[in-house]
Amino acid sequence: MGEQETYIHKLVTAILCLGSAAAFQLIPVAEATETAAQYSEYTETGSWQLALAVGRGVLQSPLGDGQDLEVVAMPRVRYYGKRFYLEDTAVGYSLYETPSFAFDIAGRLNTDGFYFPRSGSELSRGFVLAGRLMGADEPAMKLEPPKRHLSYLGGFAAQWLGPVTIGLGAYRDVTDVHGGDEIPLSLSKQFALGSLLLGVELGATYQSRKLVDYYYGVEIPGPGTSSFPLYQPGAALNTHATLEAKYPLSNNLDMVLAGRIDWMDDAIANSPYVTDASPKAFFAGVQYSWK
């Protein structure tokens, strides 16, 4: 991977680390003085929201000897039109909307591919797989580092706004990478303690067998161009929790702290590539927003 591609990879990783719709929803600083009961996520139609957070962020890799992804700058780009919206790497078009419900055509980036090196990537030093599926007395066995591609998912998303915000989506690979599906469900709530804004989210994501097998299945080479399956996982149901805090330092500057933990299904955890089935992510720093 060249220097430019590596930079782009890290830039997108920075956005995903805390900026994607599936991860952390930082609360607008303009609402810092509002009470929890007054809090609303509605924004002005046709508005752009640009921000840059600087600090330290880490996205832990669940893979054996995998390299954690570290970022120091996190750009955020969002746009909300009358129907169309952009939230960092997620896009959508509203089909139906009321004050408490929205149903959209939506797309989002699948993040599993970020754990794996792409062709010639120096992001990872490779994965040493030493007899995790073999007997303890078997000689150590090393497999070539897997090469996996990023995929983009398209589908539908619905959101119910109330005391607790409920999000539900159904997505399929539209980039012809693995042909798999994802169904995310999330429960989130934002509230204020004086000027301190807090957000929590609990979620679960179903991933189809095709998606899980592409990223976490293992094959070993056989004679010629043949290969033999070593591990073939089924579908997975992963869960996660996030917690974030935001404190305004000025009209444009905020102190931000956020963390996330994922619990991977056994279908993924049992893969020879995976050594940590509960990877974590965090970011701590300051964020400047252009208004």
Protein backbone atom coordinates (compact mmCIF):
# COMPACT_ATOMS: atom_id res chain seq x y z
CA MET A 1 0.00 0.00 0.00
CA GLY A 2 1.46 3.39 -0.98
CA GLU A 3 1.83 6.36 1.36
CA GLN A 4 -1.24 8.10 -0.10
CA GLU A 5 -3.43 5.01 0.26
CA THR A 6 -2.16 4.47 3.81
CA TYR A 7 -3.05 8.08 4.66
CA ILE A 8 -6.55 7.71 3.21
CA HIS A 9 -7.00 4.44 5.12
CA LYS A 10 -6.02 6.12 8.39
CA LEU A 11 -8.22 9.13 7.62
CA VAL A 12 -11.28 6.97 7.09
CA THR A 13 -10.33 4.96 10.18
CA ALA A 14 -10.28 8.20 12.17
CA ILE A 15 -13.79 9.01 11.01
CA LEU A 16 -14.99 5.51 11.78
CA CYS A 17 -13.29 5.39 15.15
CA LEU A 18 -15.83 7.80 16.62
CA GLY A 19 -17.59 9.51 13.78
CA SER A 20 -19.75 6.95 12.03
CA ALA A 21 -23.46 6.70 12.67
CA ALA A 22 -22.93 3.20 13.99
CA ALA A 23 -20.57 4.42 16.64
CA PHE A 24 -20.65 7.65 18.59
CA GLN A 25 -23.18 10.48 18.13
CA LEU A 26 -21.51 13.52 19.68
CA ILE A 27 -24.06 16.03 20.91
CA PRO A 28 -24.05 19.50 19.29
CA VAL A 29 -22.29 22.07 21.50
CA ALA A 30 -24.99 24.65 20.76
CA GLU A 31 -27.30 22.60 22.97
CA ALA A 32 -24.89 22.50 25.92
CA THR A 33 -27.08 24.72 28.07
CA GLU A 34 -30.29 22.80 27.39
CA THR A 35 -31.70 20.34 29.88
CA ALA A 36 -32.08 16.65 29.06
CA ALA A 37 -35.80 17.09 28.55
CA GLN A 38 -35.19 19.85 26.03
CA TYR A 39 -32.52 17.97 24.12
CA SER A 40 -33.23 17.37 20.43
CA GLU A 41 -31.18 16.02 17.52
CA TYR A 42 -33.04 18.04 14.90
CA THR A 43 -30.85 20.35 12.80
CA GLU A 44 -31.54 23.10 10.32
CA THR A 45 -32.35 21.86 6.82
CA GLY A 46 -29.58 22.50 4.29
CA SER A 47 -26.93 22.90 6.96
CA TRP A 48 -23.35 21.61 6.90
CA GLN A 49 -21.66 20.53 10.11
CA LEU A 50 -17.85 20.48 9.97
CA ALA A 51 -15.66 19.63 12.93
CA LEU A 52 -12.14 18.44 13.71
CA ALA A 53 -11.25 16.60 16.90
CA VAL A 54 -7.60 16.36 17.96
CA GLY A 55 -6.36 14.04 20.67
CA ARG A 56 -5.67 10.33 20.95
CA GLY A 57 -7.88 7.60 19.61
CA VAL A 58 -7.33 3.84 19.51
CA LEU A 59 -9.33 1.12 17.79
CA GLN A 60 -8.15 -2.22 19.13
CA SER A 61 -7.75 -5.09 16.70
CA PRO A 62 -9.32 -8.42 17.66
CA LEU A 63 -6.85 -10.31 15.47
CA GLY A 64 -3.86 -12.22 16.77
CA ASP A 65 -0.76 -10.02 16.44
CA GLY A 66 -2.98 -7.50 14.68
CA GLN A 67 -1.97 -3.85 14.90
CA ASP A 68 -4.25 -1.48 16.79
CA LEU A 69 -5.36 1.51 14.73
CA GLU A 70 -4.32 4.79 16.30
CA VAL A 71 -5.44 8.27 15.26
CA VAL A 72 -4.63 11.77 16.49
CA ALA A 73 -7.08 13.76 14.34
CA MET A 74 -10.72 12.97 13.63
CA PRO A 75 -12.48 14.98 10.91
CA ARG A 76 -16.27 15.05 10.80
CA VAL A 77 -18.45 16.08 7.86
CA ARG A 78 -22.24 16.10 8.02
CA TYR A 79 -24.97 17.53 5.83
CA TYR A 80 -28.73 17.50 6.35
CA GLY A 81 -30.94 18.43 3.42
CA LYS A 82 -34.70 18.24 3.14
CA ARG A 83 -34.47 14.54 2.23
CA PHE A 84 -30.82 13.65 1.70
CA TYR A 85 -28.29 13.47 4.51
CA LEU A 86 -24.59 12.69 4.90
CA GLU A 87 -23.09 11.59 8.22
CA ASP A 88 -19.36 11.01 7.69
CA THR A 89 -19.29 7.65 5.83
CA ALA A 90 -23.06 7.07 6.06
CA VAL A 91 -25.60 8.43 3.57
CA GLY A 92 -29.37 8.33 3.45
CA TYR A 93 -32.53 9.58 1.77
CA SER A 94 -35.68 10.03 3.82
CA LEU A 95 -38.75 8.24 2.46
CA TYR A 96 -41.08 9.03 5.35
CA GLU A 97 -40.66 11.26 8.36
CA THR A 98 -42.68 12.50 11.33
CA PRO A 99 -41.54 14.29 14.49
CA SER A 100 -40.99 10.90 16.17
CA PHE A 101 -40.26 8.47 13.32
CA ALA A 102 -38.10 8.30 10.20
CA PHE A 103 -37.75 5.66 7.47
CA ASP A 104 -34.84 6.01 5.05
CA ILE A 105 -32.95 4.42 2.21
CA ALA A 106 -29.47 4.30 3.72
CA GLY A 107 -25.91 3.17 3.19
CA ARG A 108 -23.04 2.60 5.57
CA LEU A 109 -19.50 1.28 5.54
CA ASN A 110 -18.86 -2.18 6.96
CA THR A 111 -15.93 -1.88 9.37
CA ASP A 112 -14.72 -5.49 9.64
CA GLY A 113 -12.34 -4.99 6.74
CA PHE A 114 -10.37 -2.40 8.68
CA TYR A 115 -8.95 -5.11 10.92
CA PHE A 116 -7.30 -6.83 7.96
CA PRO A 117 -4.37 -5.71 5.81
CA ARG A 118 -5.12 -5.08 2.17
CA SER A 119 -2.75 -5.99 -0.65
CA GLY A 120 0.76 -5.37 0.62
CA SER A 121 -0.49 -3.28 3.53
CA GLU A 122 2.06 -2.37 6.15
CA LEU A 123 -0.85 -1.64 8.50
CA SER A 124 -0.48 -5.14 9.89
CA ARG A 125 2.66 -7.21 10.48
CA GLY A 126 0.72 -10.32 9.69
CA PHE A 127 -1.10 -12.80 11.80
CA VAL A 128 0.70 -15.74 13.38
CA LEU A 129 -1.70 -18.66 13.55
CA ALA A 130 -0.09 -21.49 15.51
CA GLY A 131 -2.26 -24.54 15.80
CA ARG A 132 -5.31 -22.92 17.39
CA LEU A 133 -7.58 -25.45 15.71
CA MET A 134 -5.07 -28.27 15.81
CA GLY A 135 -4.00 -30.33 18.81
CA ALA A 136 -1.58 -28.88 21.34
CA ASP A 137 1.00 -31.45 20.27
CA GLU A 138 0.80 -30.52 16.60
CA PRO A 139 3.69 -28.49 15.15
CA ALA A 140 3.09 -24.75 14.91
CA MET A 141 1.42 -23.72 11.67
CA LYS A 142 1.65 -20.28 10.09
CA LEU A 143 -0.84 -19.05 7.52
CA GLU A 144 -0.42 -16.17 5.12
CA PRO A 145 -2.00 -12.93 6.39
CA PRO A 146 -5.51 -12.67 4.96
CA LYS A 147 -6.31 -10.04 2.37
CA ARG A 148 -9.76 -8.62 2.85
CA HIS A 149 -11.50 -5.73 1.11
CA LEU A 150 -13.72 -3.06 2.58
CA SER A 151 -17.40 -3.28 1.67
CA TYR A 152 -20.22 -0.78 1.53
CA LEU A 153 -23.74 -1.73 2.55
CA GLY A 154 -27.03 -0.40 1.24
CA GLY A 155 -30.54 -0.90 2.52
CA PHE A 156 -33.16 0.67 4.77
CA ALA A 157 -33.05 2.30 8.20
CA ALA A 158 -35.76 3.30 10.65
CA GLN A 159 -35.52 5.44 13.77
CA TRP A 160 -38.02 6.05 16.57
CA LEU A 161 -37.42 9.18 18.65
CA GLY A 162 -38.67 9.17 22.22
CA PRO A 163 -37.32 8.94 25.77
CA VAL A 164 -34.98 6.34 24.27
CA THR A 165 -34.05 6.49 20.59
CA ILE A 166 -34.47 3.15 18.80
CA GLY A 167 -32.64 2.51 15.54
CA LEU A 168 -33.13 -0.48 13.25
CA GLY A 169 -31.60 -1.17 9.85
CA ALA A 170 -31.34 -3.88 7.19
CA TYR A 171 -28.37 -3.71 4.82
CA ARG A 172 -26.78 -5.80 2.07
CA ASP A 173 -23.35 -5.59 0.45
CA VAL A 174 -23.68 -3.42 -2.67
CA THR A 175 -19.98 -3.57 -3.63
CA ASP A 176 -19.89 -7.27 -4.59
CA VAL A 177 -17.28 -8.07 -1.94
CA HIS A 178 -19.02 -10.80 0.05
CA GLY A 179 -22.74 -10.51 -0.70
CA GLY A 180 -23.61 -10.61 3.00
CA ASP A 181 -26.14 -8.81 5.16
CA GLU A 182 -26.16 -6.76 8.36
CA ILE A 183 -29.10 -5.94 10.62
CA PRO A 184 -28.17 -3.43 13.35
CA LEU A 185 -30.40 -2.55 16.31
CA SER A 186 -29.54 0.21 18.78
CA LEU A 187 -30.99 1.87 21.88
CA SER A 188 -29.51 5.25 22.73
CA LYS A 189 -30.16 8.16 25.04
CA GLN A 190 -28.60 11.60 25.47
CA PHE A 191 -28.92 13.72 28.57
CA ALA A 192 -27.31 16.71 30.28
CA LEU A 193 -25.82 17.30 33.70
CA GLY A 194 -25.47 21.04 33.73
CA SER A 195 -23.12 21.86 30.86
CA LEU A 196 -21.83 18.27 30.67
CA LEU A 197 -23.53 16.32 27.87
CA LEU A 198 -23.62 12.53 28.07
CA GLY A 199 -24.68 9.85 25.61
CA VAL A 200 -25.05 6.09 26.01
CA GLU A 201 -25.88 3.40 23.48
CA LEU A 202 -26.52 -0.33 23.62
CA GLY A 203 -26.73 -2.26 20.38
CA ALA A 204 -26.71 -5.60 18.60
CA THR A 205 -25.78 -6.39 15.00
CA TYR A 206 -26.68 -9.52 13.09
CA GLN A 207 -24.15 -10.47 10.40
CA SER A 208 -24.97 -13.14 7.84
CA ARG A 209 -22.88 -16.25 7.21
CA LYS A 210 -21.52 -14.86 3.91
CA LEU A 211 -20.20 -11.72 5.58
CA VAL A 212 -18.69 -13.52 8.59
CA ASP A 213 -17.14 -16.27 6.47
CA TYR A 214 -15.51 -13.75 4.13
CA TYR A 215 -13.75 -11.89 6.92
CA TYR A 216 -13.17 -14.60 9.52
CA GLY A 217 -13.29 -17.93 7.65
CA VAL A 218 -9.96 -19.69 7.11
CA GLU A 219 -8.72 -21.76 4.21
CA ILE A 220 -5.37 -23.49 3.83
CA PRO A 221 -3.72 -24.00 0.44
CA GLY A 222 -3.80 -27.46 -1.16
CA PRO A 223 -2.18 -28.90 -4.26
CA GLY A 224 -1.99 -26.49 -7.16
CA THR A 225 -4.65 -23.80 -6.88
CA SER A 226 -6.92 -25.79 -4.60
CA SER A 227 -7.63 -24.95 -0.96
CA PHE A 228 -9.21 -26.65 2.03
CA PRO A 229 -11.57 -25.01 4.54
CA LEU A 230 -10.04 -24.91 8.01
CA TYR A 231 -12.76 -22.83 9.67
CA GLN A 232 -16.19 -22.02 8.25
CA PRO A 233 -18.22 -19.81 10.61
CA GLY A 234 -21.94 -19.31 10.54
CA ALA A 235 -23.95 -16.14 11.10
CA ALA A 236 -23.08 -13.93 14.07
CA LEU A 237 -24.93 -11.71 16.52
CA ASN A 238 -22.53 -9.14 17.99
CA THR A 239 -23.33 -6.66 20.76
CA HIS A 240 -21.77 -3.36 21.78
CA ALA A 241 -21.98 -0.52 24.28
CA THR A 242 -20.79 3.08 23.93
CA LEU A 243 -20.41 5.94 26.37
CA GLU A 244 -19.52 9.52 25.50
CA ALA A 245 -19.10 12.83 27.28
CA LYS A 246 -18.80 16.34 25.88
CA TYR A 247 -18.06 19.53 27.75
CA PRO A 248 -18.07 22.95 26.03
CA LEU A 249 -14.96 25.08 26.51
CA SER A 250 -16.24 27.86 24.25
CA ASN A 251 -18.84 28.36 21.53
CA ASN A 252 -16.72 26.42 19.03
CA LEU A 253 -14.48 24.25 21.20
CA ASP A 254 -15.44 21.16 23.20
CA MET A 255 -13.64 18.62 25.31
CA VAL A 256 -14.71 15.13 24.21
CA LEU A 257 -14.27 11.67 25.70
CA ALA A 258 -15.82 8.53 24.24
CA GLY A 259 -15.40 4.79 24.53
CA ARG A 260 -16.86 1.69 22.93
CA ILE A 261 -16.63 -2.04 23.58
CA ASP A 262 -17.79 -4.80 21.23
CA TRP A 263 -18.62 -8.37 22.20
CA MET A 264 -18.15 -10.67 19.22
CA ASP A 265 -20.29 -13.73 18.66
CA ASP A 266 -18.67 -17.16 19.08
CA ALA A 267 -18.80 -17.59 15.30
CA ILE A 268 -16.20 -14.82 15.08
CA ALA A 269 -14.44 -15.41 18.40
CA ASN A 270 -13.65 -19.02 17.42
CA SER A 271 -11.87 -17.97 14.22
CA PRO A 272 -8.12 -18.72 14.25
CA TYR A 273 -7.56 -15.09 13.30
CA VAL A 274 -9.24 -13.73 16.44
CA THR A 275 -7.56 -13.55 19.85
CA ASP A 276 -9.62 -10.77 21.45
CA ALA A 277 -13.38 -11.17 21.15
CA SER A 278 -14.12 -7.89 22.94
CA PRO A 279 -12.11 -5.16 21.17
CA LYS A 280 -12.36 -1.64 22.53
CA ALA A 281 -12.15 1.84 21.06
CA PHE A 282 -11.69 5.19 22.74
CA PHE A 283 -10.99 8.82 21.96
CA ALA A 284 -10.00 11.69 24.23
CA GLY A 285 -9.28 15.19 23.03
CA VAL A 286 -10.77 18.50 21.98
CA GLN A 287 -13.10 19.20 19.07
CA TYR A 288 -13.41 22.43 17.08
CA SER A 289 -16.65 23.00 15.18
CA TRP A 290 -17.09 25.48 12.32
CA LYS A 291 -20.40 27.29 12.57
